[in-house]
């Protein structure tokens, strides 16, 4: 099925396993970060919703207004970063390459690429909403 033109229920019925859905201020800004810095594939995107893929995993972005009657937005601070304390880890994504692209495009690198004691080389990059993404590779 071509998910680019699928209806909401058709997309929903294709999802399985574990999924990530992030509430974002600006959907297009999130898509730009994920595709440019982390190499995600954009499947579909508009001002309210985006569906992307990294490897065989789907990621969804929803703009704040799409959650108008949902209780979750009441927990999000009006200013500052979102998702404090959560690391969104992407295994087998080159951290040095992601770091260079993040710097080139003006994103915040929270921690530069380093070899870590747990056997991974990784870096920490904040997206436009302050979510912390951690691309990593085995050393």
N, C-alpha and C. Protein backbone atom coordinates (compact mmCIF):
# COMPACT_ATOMS: atom_id res chain seq x y z
N UNK A 1 0.84 -1.18 0.00
CA UNK A 1 0.00 0.00 0.00
C UNK A 1 0.89 1.24 0.00
N UNK A 2 0.52 2.22 -0.81
CA UNK A 2 1.23 3.49 -0.84
C UNK A 2 0.70 4.37 0.29
N UNK A 3 1.49 4.53 1.35
CA UNK A 3 1.05 5.28 2.52
C UNK A 3 1.00 6.78 2.27
N UNK A 4 1.61 7.25 1.20
CA UNK A 4 1.60 8.68 0.89
C UNK A 4 0.18 9.18 0.67
N UNK A 5 -0.67 8.37 0.06
CA UNK A 5 -2.03 8.79 -0.24
C UNK A 5 -3.09 8.03 0.55
N UNK A 6 -2.68 7.22 1.51
CA UNK A 6 -3.62 6.41 2.28
C UNK A 6 -4.42 7.27 3.26
N UNK A 7 -5.61 6.81 3.60
CA UNK A 7 -6.43 7.50 4.59
C UNK A 7 -5.86 7.27 5.98
N UNK A 8 -6.33 8.06 6.95
CA UNK A 8 -5.89 7.88 8.33
C UNK A 8 -6.07 6.46 8.83
N UNK A 9 -7.27 5.86 8.68
CA UNK A 9 -7.45 4.48 9.12
C UNK A 9 -6.55 3.49 8.38
N UNK A 10 -6.32 3.71 7.09
CA UNK A 10 -5.44 2.81 6.34
C UNK A 10 -4.01 2.88 6.88
N UNK A 11 -3.53 4.08 7.19
CA UNK A 11 -2.20 4.22 7.77
C UNK A 11 -2.17 3.53 9.13
N UNK A 12 -3.17 3.82 9.96
CA UNK A 12 -3.22 3.24 11.30
C UNK A 12 -3.20 1.72 11.29
N UNK A 13 -3.86 1.11 10.32
CA UNK A 13 -3.92 -0.35 10.26
C UNK A 13 -2.63 -0.99 9.78
N UNK A 14 -1.69 -0.21 9.24
CA UNK A 14 -0.41 -0.77 8.81
C UNK A 14 0.62 -0.76 9.93
N UNK A 15 0.37 0.01 10.98
CA UNK A 15 1.35 0.16 12.05
C UNK A 15 1.32 -1.03 12.98
N UNK A 16 2.51 -1.47 13.40
CA UNK A 16 2.60 -2.60 14.33
C UNK A 16 3.89 -2.49 15.13
N UNK A 17 3.98 -3.28 16.18
CA UNK A 17 5.17 -3.22 17.02
C UNK A 17 5.17 -1.97 17.87
N UNK A 18 6.32 -1.34 18.00
CA UNK A 18 6.49 -0.14 18.82
C UNK A 18 6.50 1.08 17.91
N UNK A 19 5.80 2.12 18.31
CA UNK A 19 5.76 3.34 17.51
C UNK A 19 6.11 4.56 18.32
N UNK A 20 6.59 5.58 17.64
CA UNK A 20 6.90 6.85 18.27
C UNK A 20 6.06 7.93 17.61
N UNK A 21 5.38 8.69 18.44
CA UNK A 21 4.60 9.83 17.98
C UNK A 21 5.02 11.03 18.82
N UNK A 22 5.48 12.08 18.17
CA UNK A 22 5.92 13.27 18.89
C UNK A 22 4.98 14.44 18.60
N UNK A 23 4.59 15.14 19.66
CA UNK A 23 3.85 16.38 19.50
C UNK A 23 4.85 17.49 19.24
N UNK A 24 4.63 18.26 18.18
CA UNK A 24 5.58 19.29 17.77
C UNK A 24 4.88 20.61 17.52
N UNK A 25 5.62 21.68 17.68
CA UNK A 25 5.06 23.00 17.40
C UNK A 25 4.86 23.21 15.90
N UNK A 26 5.87 22.78 15.12
CA UNK A 26 5.84 22.97 13.66
C UNK A 26 6.25 21.66 12.98
N UNK A 27 5.31 21.03 12.34
CA UNK A 27 5.55 19.72 11.74
C UNK A 27 6.67 19.78 10.70
N UNK A 28 6.63 20.75 9.81
CA UNK A 28 7.64 20.82 8.74
C UNK A 28 9.05 21.00 9.31
N UNK A 29 9.20 21.73 10.42
CA UNK A 29 10.52 21.90 11.03
C UNK A 29 11.03 20.55 11.54
N UNK A 30 10.15 19.74 12.12
CA UNK A 30 10.54 18.41 12.59
C UNK A 30 10.94 17.50 11.45
N UNK A 31 10.18 17.56 10.35
CA UNK A 31 10.49 16.75 9.17
C UNK A 31 11.85 17.15 8.61
N UNK A 32 12.09 18.44 8.51
CA UNK A 32 13.37 18.93 7.98
C UNK A 32 14.54 18.40 8.81
N UNK A 33 14.42 18.46 10.13
CA UNK A 33 15.48 17.96 11.01
C UNK A 33 15.69 16.46 10.80
N UNK A 34 14.62 15.69 10.85
CA UNK A 34 14.74 14.23 10.78
C UNK A 34 15.29 13.75 9.44
N UNK A 35 14.88 14.39 8.36
CA UNK A 35 15.37 13.96 7.04
C UNK A 35 16.78 14.47 6.77
N UNK A 36 17.07 15.70 7.12
CA UNK A 36 18.37 16.31 6.82
C UNK A 36 19.48 15.79 7.72
N UNK A 37 19.23 15.72 9.02
CA UNK A 37 20.28 15.37 9.97
C UNK A 37 20.38 13.87 10.20
N UNK A 38 19.22 13.20 10.32
CA UNK A 38 19.24 11.79 10.72
C UNK A 38 18.91 10.81 9.60
N UNK A 39 18.64 11.32 8.40
CA UNK A 39 18.45 10.45 7.25
C UNK A 39 17.12 9.72 7.20
N UNK A 40 16.10 10.22 7.90
CA UNK A 40 14.78 9.61 7.83
C UNK A 40 14.22 9.76 6.42
N UNK A 41 13.28 8.90 6.06
CA UNK A 41 12.57 9.00 4.80
C UNK A 41 11.19 9.58 5.08
N UNK A 42 10.88 10.67 4.40
CA UNK A 42 9.55 11.27 4.53
C UNK A 42 8.57 10.48 3.68
N UNK A 43 7.50 10.01 4.28
CA UNK A 43 6.46 9.30 3.54
C UNK A 43 5.35 10.27 3.16
N UNK A 44 4.95 11.09 4.13
CA UNK A 44 3.95 12.12 3.87
C UNK A 44 4.07 13.16 4.95
N UNK A 45 3.73 14.40 4.61
CA UNK A 45 3.80 15.48 5.60
C UNK A 45 2.95 16.65 5.15
N UNK A 46 2.29 17.26 6.11
CA UNK A 46 1.61 18.53 5.89
C UNK A 46 1.78 19.36 7.16
N UNK A 47 1.02 20.42 7.31
CA UNK A 47 1.23 21.30 8.46
C UNK A 47 0.80 20.67 9.79
N UNK A 48 0.00 19.61 9.75
CA UNK A 48 -0.51 19.00 10.98
C UNK A 48 0.05 17.61 11.29
N UNK A 49 0.50 16.89 10.27
CA UNK A 49 0.89 15.49 10.48
C UNK A 49 2.01 15.11 9.54
N UNK A 50 2.90 14.26 10.03
CA UNK A 50 3.95 13.70 9.18
C UNK A 50 4.17 12.24 9.56
N UNK A 51 4.41 11.43 8.55
CA UNK A 51 4.77 10.04 8.73
C UNK A 51 6.13 9.85 8.07
N UNK A 52 7.08 9.33 8.87
CA UNK A 52 8.44 9.13 8.40
C UNK A 52 8.88 7.73 8.76
N UNK A 53 9.98 7.31 8.13
CA UNK A 53 10.53 5.99 8.41
C UNK A 53 12.03 6.10 8.63
N UNK A 54 12.50 5.33 9.60
CA UNK A 54 13.93 5.14 9.83
C UNK A 54 14.13 3.63 9.89
N UNK A 55 14.83 3.09 8.90
CA UNK A 55 14.94 1.63 8.80
C UNK A 55 13.56 1.05 8.57
N UNK A 56 13.13 0.13 9.44
CA UNK A 56 11.79 -0.45 9.29
C UNK A 56 10.83 0.10 10.34
N UNK A 57 11.20 1.22 10.98
CA UNK A 57 10.40 1.80 12.05
C UNK A 57 9.71 3.09 11.58
N UNK A 58 8.41 3.19 11.83
CA UNK A 58 7.67 4.41 11.52
C UNK A 58 7.75 5.39 12.67
N UNK A 59 7.78 6.67 12.34
CA UNK A 59 7.71 7.76 13.31
C UNK A 59 6.64 8.72 12.84
N UNK A 60 5.85 9.22 13.77
CA UNK A 60 4.80 10.17 13.44
C UNK A 60 5.04 11.48 14.18
N UNK A 61 4.75 12.58 13.51
CA UNK A 61 4.76 13.90 14.13
C UNK A 61 3.35 14.46 14.01
N UNK A 62 2.83 14.96 15.11
CA UNK A 62 1.52 15.62 15.12
C UNK A 62 1.70 17.04 15.64
N UNK A 63 1.12 18.02 14.97
CA UNK A 63 1.18 19.39 15.48
C UNK A 63 0.29 19.50 16.71
N UNK A 64 0.62 20.44 17.57
CA UNK A 64 -0.14 20.63 18.80
C UNK A 64 -1.65 20.75 18.57
N UNK A 65 -2.11 21.54 17.58
CA UNK A 65 -3.56 21.69 17.42
C UNK A 65 -4.32 20.39 17.12
N UNK A 66 -3.64 19.38 16.58
CA UNK A 66 -4.33 18.13 16.29
C UNK A 66 -4.71 17.38 17.56
N UNK A 67 -4.14 17.78 18.69
CA UNK A 67 -4.44 17.15 19.98
C UNK A 67 -5.32 18.05 20.83
N UNK A 68 -6.19 18.84 20.18
CA UNK A 68 -7.01 19.83 20.87
C UNK A 68 -7.83 19.31 22.03
N UNK A 69 -8.41 18.11 21.93
CA UNK A 69 -9.25 17.59 23.01
C UNK A 69 -8.56 16.46 23.79
N UNK A 70 -7.27 16.31 23.60
CA UNK A 70 -6.49 15.25 24.25
C UNK A 70 -5.84 15.81 25.52
N UNK A 71 -5.73 15.04 26.59
CA UNK A 71 -5.13 15.58 27.82
C UNK A 71 -3.61 15.74 27.79
N UNK A 72 -2.91 15.09 26.87
CA UNK A 72 -1.44 15.14 26.86
C UNK A 72 -0.87 16.55 26.74
N UNK A 73 -1.39 17.41 25.86
CA UNK A 73 -0.79 18.75 25.74
C UNK A 73 -0.79 19.55 27.04
N UNK A 74 -1.66 19.23 27.96
CA UNK A 74 -1.67 19.97 29.24
C UNK A 74 -0.40 19.71 30.04
N UNK A 75 0.34 18.66 29.70
CA UNK A 75 1.59 18.35 30.40
C UNK A 75 2.81 19.00 29.77
N UNK A 76 2.65 19.56 28.58
CA UNK A 76 3.78 20.13 27.83
C UNK A 76 3.97 21.58 28.25
N UNK A 77 5.20 21.98 28.57
CA UNK A 77 5.44 23.38 28.93
C UNK A 77 5.19 24.29 27.73
N UNK A 78 4.70 25.49 28.01
CA UNK A 78 4.45 26.43 26.92
C UNK A 78 5.74 26.90 26.26
N UNK A 79 6.81 26.95 27.03
CA UNK A 79 8.10 27.36 26.49
C UNK A 79 9.14 26.31 26.90
N UNK A 80 10.25 26.33 26.23
CA UNK A 80 11.32 25.40 26.57
C UNK A 80 11.24 24.11 25.80
N UNK A 81 12.07 23.16 26.23
CA UNK A 81 12.19 21.89 25.51
C UNK A 81 11.09 20.93 25.91
N UNK A 82 10.85 19.98 25.04
CA UNK A 82 9.88 18.92 25.29
C UNK A 82 10.63 17.62 25.49
N UNK A 83 10.00 16.69 26.15
CA UNK A 83 10.60 15.37 26.28
C UNK A 83 11.83 15.31 27.16
N UNK A 84 11.97 16.23 28.12
CA UNK A 84 13.14 16.22 28.98
C UNK A 84 13.27 14.86 29.66
N UNK A 85 14.47 14.31 29.60
CA UNK A 85 14.73 13.02 30.22
C UNK A 85 14.55 11.84 29.29
N UNK A 86 14.08 12.08 28.08
CA UNK A 86 13.89 11.00 27.10
C UNK A 86 14.96 11.12 26.03
N UNK A 87 15.60 10.00 25.72
CA UNK A 87 16.55 9.95 24.61
C UNK A 87 15.92 9.11 23.52
N UNK A 88 15.87 9.63 22.33
CA UNK A 88 15.36 8.89 21.17
C UNK A 88 16.59 8.35 20.44
N UNK A 89 16.88 7.08 20.67
CA UNK A 89 18.11 6.47 20.19
C UNK A 89 17.91 5.81 18.83
N UNK A 90 18.82 6.12 17.93
CA UNK A 90 18.83 5.55 16.58
C UNK A 90 20.12 4.76 16.42
N UNK A 91 19.99 3.46 16.45
CA UNK A 91 21.16 2.60 16.33
C UNK A 91 21.52 2.42 14.86
N UNK A 92 22.81 2.33 14.60
CA UNK A 92 23.35 2.19 13.25
C UNK A 92 23.07 3.42 12.38
N UNK A 93 23.10 4.59 13.02
CA UNK A 93 23.07 5.87 12.32
C UNK A 93 24.38 6.58 12.68
N UNK A 94 25.15 6.95 11.69
CA UNK A 94 26.49 7.52 11.89
C UNK A 94 26.42 8.82 12.71
N UNK A 95 26.92 8.80 13.95
CA UNK A 95 26.83 9.99 14.78
C UNK A 95 27.71 11.15 14.28
N UNK A 96 28.86 10.85 13.71
CA UNK A 96 29.73 11.91 13.21
C UNK A 96 29.08 12.64 12.03
N UNK A 97 28.47 11.89 11.14
CA UNK A 97 27.77 12.48 10.01
C UNK A 97 26.58 13.30 10.48
N UNK A 98 25.80 12.77 11.41
CA UNK A 98 24.64 13.49 11.94
C UNK A 98 25.08 14.76 12.65
N UNK A 99 26.15 14.66 13.42
CA UNK A 99 26.67 15.85 14.12
C UNK A 99 27.07 16.93 13.13
N UNK A 100 27.80 16.56 12.08
CA UNK A 100 28.24 17.53 11.08
C UNK A 100 27.04 18.19 10.40
N UNK A 101 26.02 17.41 10.06
CA UNK A 101 24.83 17.97 9.42
C UNK A 101 24.07 18.88 10.38
N UNK A 102 24.01 18.48 11.65
CA UNK A 102 23.32 19.31 12.65
C UNK A 102 24.01 20.67 12.77
N UNK A 103 25.32 20.67 12.84
CA UNK A 103 26.07 21.92 12.95
C UNK A 103 25.87 22.76 11.69
N UNK A 104 25.97 22.11 10.54
CA UNK A 104 25.80 22.81 9.25
C UNK A 104 24.45 23.50 9.16
N UNK A 105 23.41 22.89 9.72
CA UNK A 105 22.05 23.43 9.60
C UNK A 105 21.60 24.19 10.85
N UNK A 106 22.52 24.43 11.78
CA UNK A 106 22.23 25.28 12.92
C UNK A 106 21.47 24.64 14.08
N UNK A 107 21.50 23.31 14.17
CA UNK A 107 20.85 22.64 15.29
C UNK A 107 21.80 22.54 16.48
N UNK A 108 21.25 22.32 17.65
CA UNK A 108 22.05 22.24 18.87
C UNK A 108 22.62 20.84 19.06
N UNK A 109 23.93 20.75 19.14
CA UNK A 109 24.60 19.50 19.49
C UNK A 109 24.85 19.56 20.99
N UNK A 110 24.12 18.75 21.72
CA UNK A 110 24.21 18.75 23.18
C UNK A 110 25.50 18.07 23.64
N UNK A 111 25.89 17.01 22.96
CA UNK A 111 27.15 16.31 23.26
C UNK A 111 27.73 15.85 21.93
N UNK A 112 28.98 16.21 21.67
CA UNK A 112 29.62 15.84 20.41
C UNK A 112 29.84 14.32 20.36
N UNK A 113 30.15 13.81 19.20
CA UNK A 113 30.37 12.38 19.00
C UNK A 113 31.56 11.90 19.81
N UNK A 114 31.31 10.87 20.60
CA UNK A 114 32.34 10.28 21.46
C UNK A 114 32.18 8.77 21.50
N UNK A 115 33.30 8.08 21.68
CA UNK A 115 33.25 6.64 21.95
C UNK A 115 32.90 6.49 23.43
N UNK A 116 31.83 5.74 23.70
CA UNK A 116 31.33 5.60 25.07
C UNK A 116 31.72 4.23 25.63
N UNK A 117 31.78 4.11 26.97
CA UNK A 117 32.20 2.86 27.60
C UNK A 117 31.30 1.66 27.29
N UNK A 118 30.05 1.91 26.89
CA UNK A 118 29.14 0.80 26.59
C UNK A 118 29.28 0.28 25.16
N UNK A 119 30.36 0.70 24.46
CA UNK A 119 30.67 0.12 23.15
C UNK A 119 30.04 0.81 21.96
N UNK A 120 29.47 2.00 22.18
CA UNK A 120 28.86 2.74 21.08
C UNK A 120 29.54 4.10 20.93
N UNK A 121 29.63 4.55 19.70
CA UNK A 121 30.01 5.94 19.42
C UNK A 121 28.69 6.66 19.19
N UNK A 122 28.49 7.77 19.90
CA UNK A 122 27.20 8.44 19.84
C UNK A 122 27.35 9.93 20.07
N UNK A 123 26.33 10.67 19.67
CA UNK A 123 26.25 12.09 19.98
C UNK A 123 24.80 12.41 20.34
N UNK A 124 24.59 13.59 20.92
CA UNK A 124 23.27 14.02 21.35
C UNK A 124 22.92 15.30 20.60
N UNK A 125 21.79 15.28 19.90
CA UNK A 125 21.37 16.43 19.09
C UNK A 125 19.94 16.77 19.46
N UNK A 126 19.67 18.08 19.64
CA UNK A 126 18.31 18.52 19.93
C UNK A 126 17.62 18.95 18.64
N UNK A 127 16.38 18.50 18.47
CA UNK A 127 15.59 18.92 17.32
C UNK A 127 14.93 20.27 17.63
N UNK A 128 14.17 20.85 16.70
CA UNK A 128 13.59 22.18 16.93
C UNK A 128 12.67 22.26 18.16
N UNK A 129 12.10 21.16 18.60
CA UNK A 129 11.24 21.16 19.78
C UNK A 129 12.00 20.77 21.04
N UNK A 130 13.28 20.47 20.93
CA UNK A 130 14.07 20.12 22.09
C UNK A 130 14.11 18.64 22.41
N UNK A 131 13.55 17.80 21.54
CA UNK A 131 13.67 16.36 21.75
C UNK A 131 15.12 15.97 21.51
N UNK A 132 15.63 15.07 22.32
CA UNK A 132 17.03 14.66 22.25
C UNK A 132 17.16 13.37 21.44
N UNK A 133 17.83 13.47 20.29
CA UNK A 133 18.08 12.33 19.41
C UNK A 133 19.52 11.89 19.58
N UNK A 134 19.73 10.56 19.62
CA UNK A 134 21.06 10.01 19.86
C UNK A 134 21.40 9.00 18.75
N UNK A 135 21.99 9.49 17.66
CA UNK A 135 22.48 8.56 16.64
C UNK A 135 23.71 7.84 17.19
N UNK A 136 23.82 6.54 16.89
CA UNK A 136 24.95 5.79 17.43
C UNK A 136 25.33 4.62 16.52
N UNK A 137 26.58 4.22 16.65
CA UNK A 137 27.12 3.07 15.93
C UNK A 137 27.99 2.28 16.88
N UNK A 138 28.07 0.97 16.64
CA UNK A 138 28.99 0.13 17.42
C UNK A 138 30.43 0.54 17.12
N UNK A 139 31.25 0.53 18.16
CA UNK A 139 32.68 0.85 17.99
C UNK A 139 33.36 -0.41 17.46
